[in-house]
Amino acid sequence: MKKAILALSLLFSVSSFANECVIKSIYKDLESGIYKENICEASLYALTGQTQFSGQEISIEANGARGFYDVELTKIEMAVEGNEIYSGKGVFKWNPDETSVILSE
């Protein structure tokens, strides 16, 4: 029973997360799973200093150059209650110890 509740709560948090952050990319592996999670969380942190969504919606396009430990985010937009509050681009960097997004205009 505990496993079922844990699985259900994980499923709920992932599906909720999916509605708050959308990634479109020529690199299909970035649009879902752990890559999407890491890009969304690192982008949210770069934009707000928060690690959990609280009303923000983020739309990301990752169609730039991709290296072994980075990918160019060609468009990052964040909205709150439908009002756009940020539009820019950046670079997502990852390594075994951490992930980050460096924003640029």
N, C-alpha and C. Protein backbone atom coordinates (compact mmCIF):
# COMPACT_ATOMS: atom_id res chain seq x y z
N MET A 1 0.82 -1.19 0.00
CA MET A 1 0.00 0.00 0.00
C MET A 1 0.87 1.26 0.00
N LYS A 2 1.94 1.26 0.83
CA LYS A 2 2.82 2.43 0.89
C LYS A 2 3.49 2.66 -0.46
N LYS A 3 3.89 1.57 -1.14
CA LYS A 3 4.52 1.70 -2.45
C LYS A 3 3.56 2.31 -3.46
N ALA A 4 2.30 1.92 -3.39
CA ALA A 4 1.29 2.45 -4.32
C ALA A 4 1.08 3.93 -4.08
N ILE A 5 1.04 4.34 -2.83
CA ILE A 5 0.87 5.76 -2.51
C ILE A 5 2.08 6.56 -2.97
N LEU A 6 3.27 6.04 -2.74
CA LEU A 6 4.49 6.71 -3.18
C LEU A 6 4.51 6.83 -4.69
N ALA A 7 4.18 5.77 -5.40
CA ALA A 7 4.16 5.80 -6.86
C ALA A 7 3.14 6.80 -7.37
N LEU A 8 1.98 6.85 -6.74
CA LEU A 8 0.94 7.78 -7.14
C LEU A 8 1.37 9.21 -6.89
N SER A 9 1.99 9.49 -5.75
CA SER A 9 2.43 10.86 -5.48
C SER A 9 3.56 11.27 -6.41
N LEU A 10 4.46 10.34 -6.77
CA LEU A 10 5.51 10.65 -7.74
C LEU A 10 4.91 10.93 -9.11
N LEU A 11 3.96 10.13 -9.51
CA LEU A 11 3.29 10.34 -10.79
C LEU A 11 2.59 11.69 -10.81
N PHE A 12 1.92 12.06 -9.72
CA PHE A 12 1.23 13.34 -9.64
C PHE A 12 2.22 14.49 -9.73
N SER A 13 3.34 14.41 -9.04
CA SER A 13 4.31 15.50 -9.07
C SER A 13 4.95 15.64 -10.45
N VAL A 14 5.21 14.53 -11.13
CA VAL A 14 5.78 14.59 -12.47
C VAL A 14 4.77 15.17 -13.45
N SER A 15 3.50 14.76 -13.37
CA SER A 15 2.51 15.28 -14.30
C SER A 15 2.24 16.75 -14.03
N SER A 16 2.27 17.17 -12.79
CA SER A 16 2.10 18.58 -12.46
C SER A 16 3.27 19.38 -13.01
N PHE A 17 4.48 18.85 -12.85
CA PHE A 17 5.69 19.48 -13.35
C PHE A 17 5.62 19.62 -14.86
N ALA A 18 5.06 18.62 -15.53
CA ALA A 18 4.97 18.63 -16.99
C ALA A 18 4.13 19.79 -17.48
N ASN A 19 3.13 20.20 -16.73
CA ASN A 19 2.28 21.30 -17.13
C ASN A 19 2.94 22.66 -16.91
N GLU A 20 3.92 22.73 -16.04
CA GLU A 20 4.55 24.01 -15.70
C GLU A 20 5.75 24.33 -16.57
N CYS A 21 6.32 23.35 -17.23
CA CYS A 21 7.52 23.56 -18.03
C CYS A 21 7.46 22.70 -19.29
N VAL A 22 7.60 23.35 -20.42
CA VAL A 22 7.56 22.66 -21.71
C VAL A 22 8.88 22.90 -22.43
N ILE A 23 9.46 21.83 -22.95
CA ILE A 23 10.69 21.94 -23.73
C ILE A 23 10.42 21.41 -25.13
N LYS A 24 10.78 22.23 -26.13
CA LYS A 24 10.72 21.81 -27.52
C LYS A 24 12.15 21.83 -28.03
N SER A 25 12.56 20.74 -28.69
CA SER A 25 13.95 20.64 -29.08
C SER A 25 14.14 19.74 -30.29
N ILE A 26 15.20 20.02 -31.04
CA ILE A 26 15.60 19.11 -32.10
C ILE A 26 16.23 17.85 -31.51
N TYR A 27 16.60 17.93 -30.23
CA TYR A 27 17.16 16.80 -29.49
C TYR A 27 16.03 16.19 -28.66
N LYS A 28 15.37 15.20 -29.19
CA LYS A 28 14.15 14.65 -28.57
C LYS A 28 14.37 14.14 -27.15
N ASP A 29 15.58 13.71 -26.81
CA ASP A 29 15.82 13.20 -25.45
C ASP A 29 15.74 14.31 -24.40
N LEU A 30 15.79 15.58 -24.82
CA LEU A 30 15.69 16.69 -23.86
C LEU A 30 14.25 17.04 -23.52
N GLU A 31 13.29 16.53 -24.28
CA GLU A 31 11.90 16.92 -24.11
C GLU A 31 11.16 16.17 -23.00
N SER A 32 11.79 15.17 -22.42
CA SER A 32 11.12 14.40 -21.37
C SER A 32 12.15 13.78 -20.44
N GLY A 33 11.65 13.20 -19.37
CA GLY A 33 12.52 12.47 -18.45
C GLY A 33 13.46 13.35 -17.65
N ILE A 34 14.58 12.76 -17.27
CA ILE A 34 15.53 13.42 -16.38
C ILE A 34 16.16 14.65 -17.01
N TYR A 35 16.40 14.64 -18.33
CA TYR A 35 16.95 15.83 -18.98
C TYR A 35 15.98 17.00 -18.85
N LYS A 36 14.71 16.75 -19.16
CA LYS A 36 13.70 17.81 -19.06
C LYS A 36 13.63 18.32 -17.63
N GLU A 37 13.56 17.40 -16.69
CA GLU A 37 13.48 17.78 -15.28
C GLU A 37 14.64 18.69 -14.88
N ASN A 38 15.85 18.29 -15.25
CA ASN A 38 17.03 19.07 -14.88
C ASN A 38 17.07 20.43 -15.56
N ILE A 39 16.71 20.48 -16.85
CA ILE A 39 16.70 21.77 -17.56
C ILE A 39 15.65 22.69 -16.96
N CYS A 40 14.47 22.17 -16.68
CA CYS A 40 13.40 22.99 -16.11
C CYS A 40 13.76 23.50 -14.73
N GLU A 41 14.27 22.63 -13.87
CA GLU A 41 14.64 23.04 -12.51
C GLU A 41 15.77 24.05 -12.53
N ALA A 42 16.79 23.83 -13.36
CA ALA A 42 17.92 24.77 -13.43
C ALA A 42 17.48 26.11 -14.01
N SER A 43 16.58 26.10 -14.98
CA SER A 43 16.07 27.34 -15.55
C SER A 43 15.25 28.11 -14.52
N LEU A 44 14.38 27.40 -13.81
CA LEU A 44 13.58 28.05 -12.77
C LEU A 44 14.49 28.68 -11.72
N TYR A 45 15.52 27.96 -11.31
CA TYR A 45 16.44 28.49 -10.29
C TYR A 45 17.19 29.71 -10.82
N ALA A 46 17.62 29.67 -12.07
CA ALA A 46 18.33 30.82 -12.65
C ALA A 46 17.42 32.05 -12.72
N LEU A 47 16.14 31.84 -12.99
CA LEU A 47 15.20 32.95 -13.14
C LEU A 47 14.66 33.47 -11.82
N THR A 48 14.48 32.59 -10.83
CA THR A 48 13.77 32.99 -9.61
C THR A 48 14.52 32.72 -8.32
N GLY A 49 15.53 31.88 -8.36
CA GLY A 49 16.20 31.46 -7.13
C GLY A 49 15.43 30.39 -6.38
N GLN A 50 14.32 29.91 -6.96
CA GLN A 50 13.50 28.87 -6.35
C GLN A 50 13.79 27.53 -7.00
N THR A 51 13.52 26.47 -6.26
CA THR A 51 13.72 25.13 -6.81
C THR A 51 12.40 24.41 -7.09
N GLN A 52 11.28 25.03 -6.73
CA GLN A 52 9.97 24.44 -7.00
C GLN A 52 9.08 25.49 -7.64
N PHE A 53 8.26 25.02 -8.57
CA PHE A 53 7.33 25.92 -9.23
C PHE A 53 6.24 26.37 -8.27
N SER A 54 5.87 27.64 -8.36
CA SER A 54 4.76 28.17 -7.56
C SER A 54 4.00 29.18 -8.41
N GLY A 55 3.39 28.68 -9.48
CA GLY A 55 2.59 29.54 -10.35
C GLY A 55 3.30 29.98 -11.63
N GLN A 56 4.59 29.72 -11.73
CA GLN A 56 5.31 30.09 -12.95
C GLN A 56 5.09 29.03 -14.03
N GLU A 57 5.14 29.48 -15.27
CA GLU A 57 5.12 28.58 -16.42
C GLU A 57 6.32 28.92 -17.27
N ILE A 58 7.09 27.91 -17.65
CA ILE A 58 8.30 28.13 -18.44
C ILE A 58 8.20 27.36 -19.75
N SER A 59 8.55 28.04 -20.83
CA SER A 59 8.62 27.44 -22.15
C SER A 59 10.05 27.59 -22.66
N ILE A 60 10.65 26.48 -23.07
CA ILE A 60 12.06 26.48 -23.47
C ILE A 60 12.20 25.82 -24.84
N GLU A 61 13.04 26.43 -25.69
CA GLU A 61 13.44 25.81 -26.94
C GLU A 61 14.93 25.53 -26.84
N ALA A 62 15.32 24.30 -27.08
CA ALA A 62 16.73 23.90 -27.01
C ALA A 62 17.17 23.43 -28.39
N ASN A 63 17.38 24.40 -29.28
CA ASN A 63 17.68 24.08 -30.67
C ASN A 63 19.06 24.55 -31.11
N GLY A 64 19.89 24.94 -30.16
CA GLY A 64 21.23 25.41 -30.49
C GLY A 64 22.26 24.30 -30.43
N ALA A 65 23.50 24.72 -30.42
CA ALA A 65 24.62 23.77 -30.38
C ALA A 65 24.55 22.92 -29.11
N ARG A 66 24.96 21.66 -29.26
CA ARG A 66 24.97 20.75 -28.11
C ARG A 66 26.35 20.11 -28.00
N GLY A 67 26.92 20.24 -26.82
CA GLY A 67 28.19 19.60 -26.53
C GLY A 67 27.98 18.41 -25.61
N PHE A 68 29.07 17.86 -25.11
CA PHE A 68 28.96 16.71 -24.23
C PHE A 68 28.31 17.08 -22.90
N TYR A 69 28.60 18.28 -22.38
CA TYR A 69 28.05 18.71 -21.09
C TYR A 69 27.27 20.02 -21.17
N ASP A 70 26.79 20.40 -22.34
CA ASP A 70 26.00 21.63 -22.43
C ASP A 70 25.11 21.62 -23.67
N VAL A 71 24.10 22.47 -23.63
CA VAL A 71 23.23 22.68 -24.78
C VAL A 71 22.75 24.12 -24.74
N GLU A 72 22.70 24.73 -25.92
CA GLU A 72 22.23 26.11 -26.03
C GLU A 72 20.71 26.14 -26.00
N LEU A 73 20.17 26.92 -25.07
CA LEU A 73 18.73 27.11 -24.97
C LEU A 73 18.41 28.35 -25.80
N THR A 74 17.85 28.17 -26.98
CA THR A 74 17.66 29.26 -27.93
C THR A 74 16.51 30.18 -27.57
N LYS A 75 15.65 29.74 -26.67
CA LYS A 75 14.54 30.58 -26.22
C LYS A 75 14.09 30.10 -24.84
N ILE A 76 13.98 31.04 -23.92
CA ILE A 76 13.45 30.75 -22.59
C ILE A 76 12.41 31.83 -22.29
N GLU A 77 11.20 31.42 -22.01
CA GLU A 77 10.14 32.37 -21.65
C GLU A 77 9.51 31.91 -20.34
N MET A 78 9.26 32.88 -19.46
CA MET A 78 8.58 32.57 -18.20
C MET A 78 7.39 33.49 -18.06
N ALA A 79 6.27 32.92 -17.65
CA ALA A 79 5.05 33.68 -17.42
C ALA A 79 4.49 33.34 -16.05
N VAL A 80 3.79 34.31 -15.48
CA VAL A 80 3.06 34.10 -14.24
C VAL A 80 1.63 34.56 -14.51
N GLU A 81 0.68 33.67 -14.28
CA GLU A 81 -0.73 33.94 -14.54
C GLU A 81 -0.95 34.45 -15.96
N GLY A 82 -0.23 33.87 -16.91
CA GLY A 82 -0.39 34.23 -18.31
C GLY A 82 0.35 35.47 -18.77
N ASN A 83 0.99 36.18 -17.84
CA ASN A 83 1.73 37.40 -18.19
C ASN A 83 3.22 37.09 -18.30
N GLU A 84 3.78 37.32 -19.50
CA GLU A 84 5.20 37.05 -19.70
C GLU A 84 6.04 38.01 -18.87
N ILE A 85 6.96 37.45 -18.09
CA ILE A 85 7.83 38.29 -17.26
C ILE A 85 9.30 38.14 -17.63
N TYR A 86 9.62 37.18 -18.49
CA TYR A 86 11.00 37.03 -18.95
C TYR A 86 11.00 36.40 -20.33
N SER A 87 11.87 36.91 -21.19
CA SER A 87 12.11 36.31 -22.49
C SER A 87 13.58 36.49 -22.82
N GLY A 88 14.26 35.39 -23.03
CA GLY A 88 15.69 35.46 -23.34
C GLY A 88 16.18 34.10 -23.80
N LYS A 89 17.45 33.87 -23.60
CA LYS A 89 18.04 32.58 -23.95
C LYS A 89 19.15 32.26 -22.97
N GLY A 90 19.79 31.13 -23.16
CA GLY A 90 20.84 30.76 -22.23
C GLY A 90 21.53 29.47 -22.62
N VAL A 91 22.32 28.96 -21.71
CA VAL A 91 23.04 27.70 -21.91
C VAL A 91 22.80 26.83 -20.68
N PHE A 92 22.39 25.59 -20.91
CA PHE A 92 22.24 24.62 -19.84
C PHE A 92 23.53 23.83 -19.77
N LYS A 93 24.12 23.76 -18.57
CA LYS A 93 25.36 23.01 -18.37
C LYS A 93 25.11 21.94 -17.32
N TRP A 94 25.66 20.77 -17.56
CA TRP A 94 25.54 19.69 -16.58
C TRP A 94 26.84 18.92 -16.48
N ASN A 95 27.02 18.35 -15.32
CA ASN A 95 28.12 17.41 -15.09
C ASN A 95 27.64 16.47 -14.00
N PRO A 96 28.41 15.49 -13.61
CA PRO A 96 27.92 14.53 -12.62
C PRO A 96 27.55 15.14 -11.27
N ASP A 97 28.07 16.32 -10.94
CA ASP A 97 27.83 16.91 -9.62
C ASP A 97 26.74 17.97 -9.58
N GLU A 98 26.49 18.66 -10.70
CA GLU A 98 25.51 19.75 -10.65
C GLU A 98 25.02 20.11 -12.04
N THR A 99 23.93 20.88 -12.05
CA THR A 99 23.40 21.43 -13.29
C THR A 99 23.19 22.92 -13.09
N SER A 100 23.24 23.68 -14.18
CA SER A 100 22.99 25.12 -14.09
C SER A 100 22.56 25.66 -15.44
N VAL A 101 21.90 26.80 -15.41
CA VAL A 101 21.56 27.54 -16.61
C VAL A 101 22.18 28.92 -16.48
N ILE A 102 22.91 29.32 -17.51
CA ILE A 102 23.47 30.67 -17.57
C ILE A 102 22.61 31.44 -18.55
N LEU A 103 21.95 32.49 -18.07
CA LEU A 103 21.03 33.27 -18.88
C LEU A 103 21.77 34.32 -19.70
N SER A 104 21.22 34.65 -20.86
CA SER A 104 21.71 35.76 -21.67
C SER A 104 20.50 36.41 -22.34
N GLU A 105 20.65 37.63 -22.73
CA GLU A 105 19.53 38.35 -23.36
C GLU A 105 19.49 38.08 -24.83
